[in-house]
Amino acid sequence: MSHSVRAVLLSTAAAVIALGASAQESMEDRVAALEAMVAELKAELVAERTKTDESIVRIEKSVAEAPAAAAPAPKTDGFLVGDTTLKFGGFIDADVHVTNLTDGGIASTSIARDFYIPGATPIGGAETTFTDFTAEPTRFFLAASKPVGEGSVSGYIEMDFLGSGQGNELVSNSYSPRLRRAFVKYGNWLVGQEWSTFQNTSAIPESASFLALSDGMIFIRQPQIRYTNGNWMFALENPNTTTLNAGSRDENLLPDVVARYNMTGDFGNVSFAGIARQLRADFGASEEETFGYGLSVSGMVKAGAKDDIRFNLVGGEGVGRYVGLAASRSTALDPNGKLEAIPSVGGLVAWRHPFGETARFSGGYSGLFVDNPTYLPLTTTKSVQSAFGAILWDVAPKTTLGVELMHGIREDESGNKGDMTRFTFSTKYAF
């Protein structure tokens, strides 16, 4: 090999070795730079994590130290004033009645123009027909209750405008309110004016008029003291002795005593009740008294998926004003000046049948039959009976339109009869 070739090879080898060394040094520098960058990034990540952890600790501490949110107020049926719950409600009821009487008329100021009162059906006069518009059945109530110990005390007052002695139809048709119910309840006790314990209000049929089938119905509100324990109810109620031939007497010494047992379940409800009464009259020269009693079974039972049957059956001696809106009386004064309790039996049955989305039919029959002493006048009421049919339709929430046709008959001891036929259209809005 020539010296020139060898020199070239040696020079090339030296250059390659130099380049390799340079490349190795450059790679080591790059690796070192990358390691420095990674170390710097790690440091920044640690710093950021520390800041984040501190923020989380501050947030948790703030949440822990923040006052607890107030629990939502419990829903109440009414509104609170202090610790007393008040509720106001009622309904507006506007009715149109077209009434036909076969044997006489009824005074325009009589409450019998506003709803069916069996004993007011006239006998022995000329036929009359008349139309009445009225809003007097409109009703309102105020209820209050407050906690007392582990229980509560509550009060209730209810009024409407039927039978008002104020107002007329000349200009303003203004009528004063009348007291219906007013009582206080505490624990098992009720004191005040309420439906008689002798009456099961669920037996009242639904109707377009204020009241239907009142002939054989137990229907009375009065002051009382009532104690309820489970299914049992006991009451002392306001006494009053009515007579068929000596007026209404208010000279009782003892209250009317009522006991009632209630059965409830998926079938509906049934009540069994009994009443015992002192019937007393003070005529000045003599004080007369006798004993009265009554027994009843009443209630509302389901018939199928939606229908129900409402009923009551009542009988006794001296029940008088408790049945038929006082169509008869409790006693009569016999020819010897002694009080005699009047026997009677009555009842009603009504069927309620919903149909469509919000409509229902309601109809039924009722009657009261009185066993009057023979010494009484032949004009004394012997029986009252009625039947009705009504269709009611909820056209909007709590807004009901109704139409009804009822027919009632009153018969006296002579066999004479008077008939009433009444068509009713009603509009009711409950609030």
Protein backbone atom coordinates (compact mmCIF):
# COMPACT_ATOMS: atom_id res chain seq x y z
CA MET A 1 0.00 0.00 0.00
CA SER A 2 1.35 3.42 -0.86
CA HIS A 3 2.12 6.03 1.68
CA SER A 4 -0.49 8.37 0.20
CA VAL A 5 -3.29 5.83 0.45
CA ARG A 6 -2.35 4.93 3.98
CA ALA A 7 -2.35 8.58 4.92
CA VAL A 8 -5.81 9.02 3.47
CA LEU A 9 -7.16 6.00 5.39
CA LEU A 10 -5.64 7.15 8.63
CA SER A 11 -7.09 10.64 8.17
CA THR A 12 -10.56 9.21 7.45
CA ALA A 13 -10.45 6.95 10.52
CA ALA A 14 -9.43 9.85 12.69
CA ALA A 15 -12.31 11.94 11.37
CA VAL A 16 -14.82 9.17 12.03
CA ILE A 17 -13.52 8.67 15.54
CA ALA A 18 -13.75 12.40 16.13
CA LEU A 19 -17.30 12.58 14.82
CA GLY A 20 -18.34 9.61 17.00
CA ALA A 21 -16.92 11.22 20.04
CA SER A 22 -18.66 14.46 19.21
CA ALA A 23 -21.98 12.66 18.64
CA GLN A 24 -21.65 10.82 21.95
CA GLU A 25 -20.96 14.07 23.79
CA SER A 26 -24.00 15.73 22.09
CA MET A 27 -26.35 12.82 23.07
CA GLU A 28 -25.19 12.94 26.68
CA ASP A 29 -25.84 16.68 26.77
CA ARG A 30 -29.36 16.18 25.41
CA VAL A 31 -30.14 13.46 27.90
CA ALA A 32 -28.92 15.65 30.70
CA ALA A 33 -31.07 18.53 29.45
CA LEU A 34 -34.13 16.29 29.27
CA GLU A 35 -33.55 15.03 32.78
CA ALA A 36 -33.36 18.62 33.99
CA MET A 37 -36.62 19.48 32.27
CA VAL A 38 -38.37 16.44 33.77
CA ALA A 39 -37.13 17.36 37.22
CA GLU A 40 -38.43 20.89 36.77
CA LEU A 41 -41.86 19.62 35.66
CA LYS A 42 -42.04 17.29 38.65
CA ALA A 43 -41.35 20.19 40.96
CA GLU A 44 -44.06 22.30 39.36
CA LEU A 45 -46.58 19.40 39.64
CA VAL A 46 -45.78 18.93 43.32
CA ALA A 47 -46.28 22.65 43.92
CA GLU A 48 -49.66 22.65 42.10
CA ARG A 49 -50.82 19.55 43.99
CA THR A 50 -49.94 21.20 47.28
CA LYS A 51 -51.99 24.26 46.37
CA THR A 52 -54.95 22.08 45.31
CA ASP A 53 -54.84 20.07 48.56
CA GLU A 54 -54.79 23.29 50.57
CA SER A 55 -57.84 24.59 48.64
CA ILE A 56 -59.73 21.33 49.25
CA VAL A 57 -58.95 21.52 52.96
CA ARG A 58 -60.22 25.11 53.08
CA ILE A 59 -63.45 24.19 51.25
CA GLU A 60 -64.11 21.19 53.52
CA LYS A 61 -63.46 23.31 56.56
CA SER A 62 -65.84 26.02 55.31
CA VAL A 63 -68.55 23.44 54.65
CA ALA A 64 -68.05 21.90 58.06
CA GLU A 65 -68.22 25.25 59.80
CA ALA A 66 -71.21 26.53 57.77
CA PRO A 67 -74.56 26.45 59.67
CA ALA A 68 -76.84 23.54 58.74
CA ALA A 69 -79.57 24.43 56.25
CA ALA A 70 -82.96 24.81 57.85
CA ALA A 71 -85.24 21.80 57.28
CA PRO A 72 -88.19 22.57 54.99
CA ALA A 73 -91.29 23.52 56.92
CA PRO A 74 -93.78 20.65 57.16
CA LYS A 75 -96.83 21.01 54.94
CA THR A 76 -100.00 21.95 56.78
CA ASP A 77 -103.64 21.91 55.77
CA GLY A 78 -104.07 25.63 56.35
CA PHE A 79 -101.65 28.35 57.43
CA LEU A 80 -99.71 28.98 60.61
CA VAL A 81 -100.21 31.95 62.93
CA GLY A 82 -97.68 31.43 65.69
CA ASP A 83 -98.18 27.83 66.76
CA THR A 84 -101.85 27.78 65.67
CA THR A 85 -102.92 26.27 62.35
CA LEU A 86 -105.89 28.08 60.79
CA LYS A 87 -107.99 26.90 57.89
CA PHE A 88 -110.76 28.75 56.09
CA GLY A 89 -113.07 27.10 53.58
CA GLY A 90 -116.60 26.48 52.42
CA PHE A 91 -118.52 26.71 49.19
CA ILE A 92 -120.64 29.07 47.09
CA ASP A 93 -123.97 27.47 46.18
CA ALA A 94 -126.45 29.08 43.78
CA ASP A 95 -129.71 27.19 43.19
CA VAL A 96 -132.78 27.55 41.00
CA HIS A 97 -135.96 25.77 42.20
CA VAL A 98 -139.16 25.32 40.26
CA THR A 99 -141.79 23.95 42.67
CA ASN A 100 -145.29 22.62 42.10
CA LEU A 101 -147.65 22.05 45.04
CA THR A 102 -150.94 20.27 44.43
CA ASP A 103 -152.67 21.51 47.59
CA GLY A 104 -151.62 24.98 48.63
CA GLY A 105 -148.63 27.28 48.83
CA ILE A 106 -145.55 27.99 50.95
CA ALA A 107 -144.79 31.52 52.15
CA SER A 108 -141.95 33.21 50.30
CA THR A 109 -140.12 33.76 53.62
CA SER A 110 -140.26 30.05 54.57
CA ILE A 111 -137.08 27.97 54.62
CA ALA A 112 -139.13 25.27 52.86
CA ARG A 113 -138.74 27.34 49.68
CA ASP A 114 -134.99 26.61 49.80
CA PHE A 115 -134.99 22.86 50.49
CA TYR A 116 -137.42 20.01 51.09
CA ILE A 117 -139.02 19.98 54.55
CA PRO A 118 -141.50 17.07 54.55
CA GLY A 119 -143.87 18.48 57.19
CA ALA A 120 -144.28 21.73 55.26
CA THR A 121 -146.02 20.18 52.24
CA PRO A 122 -149.52 21.68 52.32
CA ILE A 123 -152.76 19.68 52.18
CA GLY A 124 -156.17 21.00 51.17
CA GLY A 125 -155.44 24.15 49.18
CA ALA A 126 -155.27 25.25 45.55
CA GLU A 127 -152.46 24.15 43.25
CA THR A 128 -149.52 26.56 43.02
CA THR A 129 -146.27 26.72 41.05
CA PHE A 130 -143.38 29.12 41.63
CA THR A 131 -139.70 29.66 40.81
CA ASP A 132 -136.98 30.69 43.29
CA PHE A 133 -133.37 31.78 42.75
CA THR A 134 -131.24 31.58 45.89
CA ALA A 135 -127.62 31.62 47.10
CA GLU A 136 -128.54 31.16 50.76
CA PRO A 137 -127.05 27.63 51.02
CA THR A 138 -123.61 29.24 50.60
CA ARG A 139 -121.44 28.14 53.52
CA PHE A 140 -118.13 29.02 55.17
CA PHE A 141 -116.11 27.69 58.09
CA LEU A 142 -113.05 28.52 60.16
CA ALA A 143 -111.03 25.80 61.89
CA ALA A 144 -108.12 26.23 64.31
CA SER A 145 -105.79 23.81 66.08
CA LYS A 146 -102.63 24.03 68.16
CA PRO A 147 -100.38 21.44 69.83
CA VAL A 148 -100.88 20.86 73.54
CA GLY A 149 -98.51 18.37 75.15
CA GLU A 150 -98.56 15.18 73.11
CA GLY A 151 -101.93 16.05 71.56
CA SER A 152 -103.76 19.10 70.27
CA VAL A 153 -106.76 21.27 70.94
CA SER A 154 -108.94 22.36 68.02
CA GLY A 155 -111.97 24.51 67.35
CA TYR A 156 -114.42 24.73 64.48
CA ILE A 157 -117.16 27.19 63.52
CA GLU A 158 -119.45 26.91 60.48
CA MET A 159 -122.20 29.17 59.17
CA ASP A 160 -124.55 29.55 56.21
CA PHE A 161 -127.47 31.85 55.29
CA LEU A 162 -130.50 29.53 55.15
CA GLY A 163 -133.56 30.47 57.17
CA SER A 164 -132.35 34.00 57.74
CA GLY A 165 -134.83 36.28 59.47
CA GLN A 166 -133.21 39.31 57.88
CA GLY A 167 -133.61 40.44 54.29
CA ASN A 168 -136.13 40.05 51.51
CA GLU A 169 -136.30 39.93 47.73
CA LEU A 170 -137.37 43.56 47.20
CA VAL A 171 -133.96 45.13 46.51
CA SER A 172 -130.79 43.64 47.97
CA ASN A 173 -131.62 40.03 48.88
CA SER A 174 -129.44 40.45 51.98
CA TYR A 175 -129.46 37.58 54.46
CA SER A 176 -127.75 37.20 57.80
CA PRO A 177 -125.59 34.15 58.58
CA ARG A 178 -126.83 31.43 60.94
CA LEU A 179 -124.80 29.17 63.19
CA ARG A 180 -124.54 25.57 62.00
CA ARG A 181 -121.68 24.06 63.99
CA ALA A 182 -119.37 25.41 66.70
CA PHE A 183 -117.32 23.12 68.92
CA VAL A 184 -114.00 22.49 70.66
CA LYS A 185 -112.16 19.15 70.61
CA TYR A 186 -109.45 18.02 72.99
CA GLY A 187 -108.29 14.43 73.15
CA ASN A 188 -111.36 12.18 73.15
CA TRP A 189 -113.72 15.01 74.10
CA LEU A 190 -115.94 17.26 72.00
CA VAL A 191 -117.95 20.12 73.51
CA GLY A 192 -120.22 22.42 71.51
CA GLN A 193 -122.75 22.33 68.70
CA GLU A 194 -122.23 19.46 66.26
CA TRP A 195 -124.17 16.79 64.38
CA SER A 196 -126.03 14.63 66.87
CA THR A 197 -124.17 11.49 67.86
CA PHE A 198 -127.39 9.65 66.98
CA GLN A 199 -126.80 10.57 63.31
CA ASN A 200 -124.32 9.05 60.87
CA THR A 201 -123.68 11.83 58.36
CA SER A 202 -122.19 9.47 55.76
CA ALA A 203 -125.75 8.20 55.19
CA ILE A 204 -126.80 11.58 53.74
CA PRO A 205 -127.31 11.14 49.97
CA GLU A 206 -125.47 13.39 47.53
CA SER A 207 -127.97 15.71 45.87
CA ALA A 208 -128.19 18.85 43.77
CA SER A 209 -130.49 20.48 46.33
CA PHE A 210 -129.41 21.33 49.86
CA LEU A 211 -130.97 18.13 51.24
CA ALA A 212 -132.87 15.17 49.78
CA LEU A 213 -134.70 12.21 51.35
CA SER A 214 -135.12 13.99 54.67
CA ASP A 215 -138.44 12.20 55.45
CA GLY A 216 -136.97 9.19 57.24
CA MET A 217 -133.53 10.65 57.82
CA ILE A 218 -131.97 11.26 61.22
CA PHE A 219 -130.89 14.87 60.82
CA ILE A 220 -130.15 17.24 63.67
CA ARG A 221 -127.37 19.49 64.98
CA GLN A 222 -127.33 20.59 68.60
CA PRO A 223 -125.09 21.40 71.61
CA GLN A 224 -123.60 18.36 73.31
CA ILE A 225 -120.78 16.84 75.31
CA ARG A 226 -119.32 13.81 73.51
CA TYR A 227 -116.71 11.25 74.47
CA THR A 228 -115.16 8.96 71.84
CA ASN A 229 -113.15 5.84 72.65
CA GLY A 230 -112.20 3.67 69.69
CA ASN A 231 -115.38 2.58 67.93
CA TRP A 232 -117.60 3.81 70.75
CA MET A 233 -119.18 7.25 71.12
CA PHE A 234 -121.19 8.51 74.11
CA ALA A 235 -122.93 11.88 74.40
CA LEU A 236 -125.15 14.05 76.53
CA GLU A 237 -127.15 16.27 74.19
CA ASN A 238 -129.49 19.22 74.40
CA PRO A 239 -133.01 18.11 75.47
CA ASN A 240 -136.26 19.50 74.13
CA THR A 241 -139.78 18.08 74.32
CA THR A 242 -142.07 18.73 71.36
CA THR A 243 -145.78 17.89 71.52
CA LEU A 244 -148.42 17.45 68.83
CA ASN A 245 -151.11 19.37 70.67
CA ALA A 246 -149.42 21.45 73.41
CA GLY A 247 -146.59 23.25 71.62
CA SER A 248 -142.84 22.91 71.98
CA ARG A 249 -141.70 22.58 75.59
CA ASP A 250 -138.21 23.42 76.83
CA GLU A 251 -138.54 22.29 80.44
CA ASN A 252 -136.41 19.15 80.52
CA LEU A 253 -134.22 18.44 83.53
CA LEU A 254 -132.15 15.62 82.03
CA PRO A 255 -130.18 15.66 78.76
CA ASP A 256 -130.78 13.25 75.93
CA VAL A 257 -128.33 10.33 76.25
CA VAL A 258 -126.83 8.76 73.12
CA ALA A 259 -124.56 5.73 72.63
CA ARG A 260 -123.17 4.68 69.25
CA TYR A 261 -120.89 1.96 67.89
CA ASN A 262 -119.12 2.44 64.55
CA MET A 263 -117.85 -0.28 62.22
CA THR A 264 -115.53 0.78 59.39
CA GLY A 265 -113.55 -1.12 56.78
CA ASP A 266 -113.00 -1.62 53.07
CA PHE A 267 -116.76 -2.19 52.77
CA GLY A 268 -117.55 1.35 53.99
CA ASN A 269 -119.08 2.04 57.39
CA VAL A 270 -122.09 1.07 59.49
CA SER A 271 -123.21 2.62 62.80
CA PHE A 272 -125.55 1.28 65.47
CA ALA A 273 -126.99 3.92 67.81
CA GLY A 274 -129.45 4.24 70.65
CA ILE A 275 -130.99 7.25 72.36
CA ALA A 276 -132.82 7.63 75.67
CA ARG A 277 -134.88 10.76 76.41
CA GLN A 278 -136.72 12.37 79.25
CA LEU A 279 -139.85 13.99 77.77
CA ARG A 280 -141.14 16.61 80.20
CA ALA A 281 -143.58 19.53 80.21
CA ASP A 282 -144.41 21.97 82.99
CA PHE A 283 -147.98 23.23 82.69
CA GLY A 284 -147.90 25.19 85.93
CA ALA A 285 -150.67 23.27 87.65
CA SER A 286 -148.93 19.99 86.81
CA GLU A 287 -145.57 18.66 85.67
CA GLU A 288 -145.81 15.78 83.24
CA GLU A 289 -143.09 13.50 81.92
CA THR A 290 -142.61 10.24 80.09
CA PHE A 291 -139.75 8.26 78.58
CA GLY A 292 -138.64 8.18 74.94
CA TYR A 293 -136.15 6.02 73.11
CA GLY A 294 -134.90 5.28 69.64
CA LEU A 295 -132.69 2.74 67.85
CA SER A 296 -131.00 3.14 64.49
CA VAL A 297 -128.65 1.52 62.01
CA SER A 298 -127.13 3.65 59.27
CA GLY A 299 -124.14 3.99 57.02
CA MET A 300 -122.59 3.91 53.59
CA VAL A 301 -121.47 0.64 51.99
CA LYS A 302 -119.62 0.17 48.73
CA ALA A 303 -121.37 -1.61 45.87
CA GLY A 304 -118.88 -2.56 43.21
CA ALA A 305 -115.79 -0.62 42.21
CA LYS A 306 -117.26 2.91 42.43
CA ASP A 307 -120.92 2.74 43.47
CA ASP A 308 -122.19 3.05 47.03
CA ILE A 309 -125.44 2.54 48.92
CA ARG A 310 -126.39 4.98 51.70
CA PHE A 311 -129.09 4.12 54.21
CA ASN A 312 -130.58 4.60 57.63
CA LEU A 313 -133.35 2.82 59.50
CA VAL A 314 -134.73 4.29 62.71
CA GLY A 315 -137.59 3.52 65.05
CA GLY A 316 -138.75 4.16 68.57
CA GLU A 317 -141.10 6.17 70.73
CA GLY A 318 -140.62 9.88 71.23
CA VAL A 319 -137.78 10.33 68.69
CA GLY A 320 -139.72 13.32 67.29
CA ARG A 321 -137.43 16.10 66.12
CA TYR A 322 -134.52 13.72 65.48
CA VAL A 323 -136.19 12.31 62.35
CA GLY A 324 -137.80 13.90 59.29
CA LEU A 325 -136.91 17.51 60.19
CA ALA A 326 -139.59 17.36 62.92
CA ALA A 327 -142.30 16.10 60.54
CA SER A 328 -143.86 14.60 63.64
CA ARG A 329 -143.43 15.38 67.34
CA SER A 330 -142.11 13.49 70.35
CA THR A 331 -145.29 13.44 72.47
CA ALA A 332 -148.97 14.22 72.70
CA LEU A 333 -151.04 15.37 75.68
CA ASP A 334 -153.80 12.82 76.19
CA PRO A 335 -157.35 13.69 77.41
CA ASN A 336 -156.25 13.05 81.00
CA GLY A 337 -153.45 15.60 80.77
CA LYS A 338 -150.68 13.00 80.58
CA LEU A 339 -147.77 13.01 78.12
CA GLU A 340 -147.67 10.07 75.72
CA ALA A 341 -144.60 9.26 73.60
CA ILE A 342 -145.41 8.97 69.87
CA PRO A 343 -144.18 5.79 68.11
CA SER A 344 -142.71 6.11 64.61
CA VAL A 345 -140.46 4.30 62.16
CA GLY A 346 -138.57 5.70 59.21
CA GLY A 347 -135.68 5.20 56.88
CA LEU A 348 -134.03 5.90 53.57
CA VAL A 349 -131.98 4.17 50.90
CA ALA A 350 -129.98 5.91 48.17
CA TRP A 351 -127.73 4.72 45.35
CA ARG A 352 -124.76 6.71 44.02
CA HIS A 353 -123.37 5.67 40.64
CA PRO A 354 -120.39 7.51 39.06
CA PHE A 355 -120.12 7.47 35.27
CA GLY A 356 -117.91 9.12 32.68
CA GLU A 357 -114.91 11.05 33.93
CA THR A 358 -116.48 13.31 36.57
CA ALA A 359 -120.26 12.71 36.55
CA ARG A 360 -122.50 10.63 38.81
CA PHE A 361 -126.13 9.75 39.37
CA SER A 362 -127.70 9.81 42.82
CA GLY A 363 -131.22 8.74 43.68
CA GLY A 364 -133.33 7.04 46.29
CA TYR A 365 -136.43 6.79 48.47
CA SER A 366 -137.29 7.84 52.04
CA GLY A 367 -140.30 7.60 54.33
CA LEU A 368 -141.53 8.23 57.88
CA PHE A 369 -144.63 6.55 59.30
CA VAL A 370 -146.20 7.76 62.55
CA ASP A 371 -148.55 5.84 64.85
CA ASN A 372 -150.59 8.75 66.19
CA PRO A 373 -153.08 8.37 69.09
CA THR A 374 -156.69 8.39 67.97
CA TYR A 375 -157.57 11.46 70.05
CA LEU A 376 -155.43 13.74 67.87
CA PRO A 377 -156.96 15.84 65.07
CA LEU A 378 -157.38 14.19 61.69
CA THR A 379 -155.10 16.86 60.21
CA THR A 380 -152.14 15.38 62.07
CA THR A 381 -149.37 14.09 59.79
CA LYS A 382 -149.56 10.32 59.39
CA SER A 383 -146.71 9.81 56.91
CA VAL A 384 -144.26 11.61 54.65
CA GLN A 385 -142.48 10.03 51.71
CA SER A 386 -140.26 11.20 48.88
CA ALA A 387 -138.09 10.01 46.01
CA PHE A 388 -135.48 11.87 43.97
CA GLY A 389 -132.98 11.50 41.16
CA ALA A 390 -130.04 13.82 40.47
CA ILE A 391 -127.17 14.05 38.01
CA LEU A 392 -124.08 15.93 39.13
CA TRP A 393 -121.12 16.86 36.94
CA ASP A 394 -117.77 18.34 37.97
CA VAL A 395 -117.10 20.74 35.10
CA ALA A 396 -113.86 21.98 36.70
CA PRO A 397 -111.92 21.22 39.89
CA LYS A 398 -114.28 21.71 42.86
CA THR A 399 -116.96 23.13 40.56
CA THR A 400 -120.16 21.09 40.25
CA LEU A 401 -123.29 21.54 38.18
CA GLY A 402 -126.35 19.54 39.18
CA VAL A 403 -129.92 18.89 38.09
CA GLU A 404 -132.49 17.14 40.26
CA LEU A 405 -136.12 16.09 40.24
CA MET A 406 -137.84 15.15 43.49
CA HIS A 407 -141.39 14.25 44.46
CA GLY A 408 -142.77 14.27 47.99
CA ILE A 409 -146.10 13.27 49.53
CA ARG A 410 -147.55 14.13 52.92
CA GLU A 411 -150.63 12.28 54.20
CA ASP A 412 -152.69 13.14 57.27
CA GLU A 413 -154.84 10.95 59.51
CA SER A 414 -157.94 11.65 57.43
CA GLY A 415 -156.29 10.14 54.35
CA ASN A 416 -155.92 13.46 52.55
CA LYS A 417 -152.66 14.01 50.69
CA GLY A 418 -150.59 16.87 49.39
CA ASP A 419 -147.86 16.48 46.78
CA MET A 420 -144.73 18.47 46.05
CA THR A 421 -142.70 18.19 42.85
CA ARG A 422 -139.50 20.24 42.59
CA PHE A 423 -136.92 20.66 39.86
CA THR A 424 -133.55 22.05 40.99
CA PHE A 425 -130.56 23.35 39.05
CA SER A 426 -127.48 24.08 41.15
CA THR A 427 -123.99 25.50 40.70
CA LYS A 428 -121.50 24.91 43.49
CA TYR A 429 -117.86 25.98 43.88
CA ALA A 430 -115.97 24.65 46.91
CA PHE A 431 -112.89 26.39 48.29
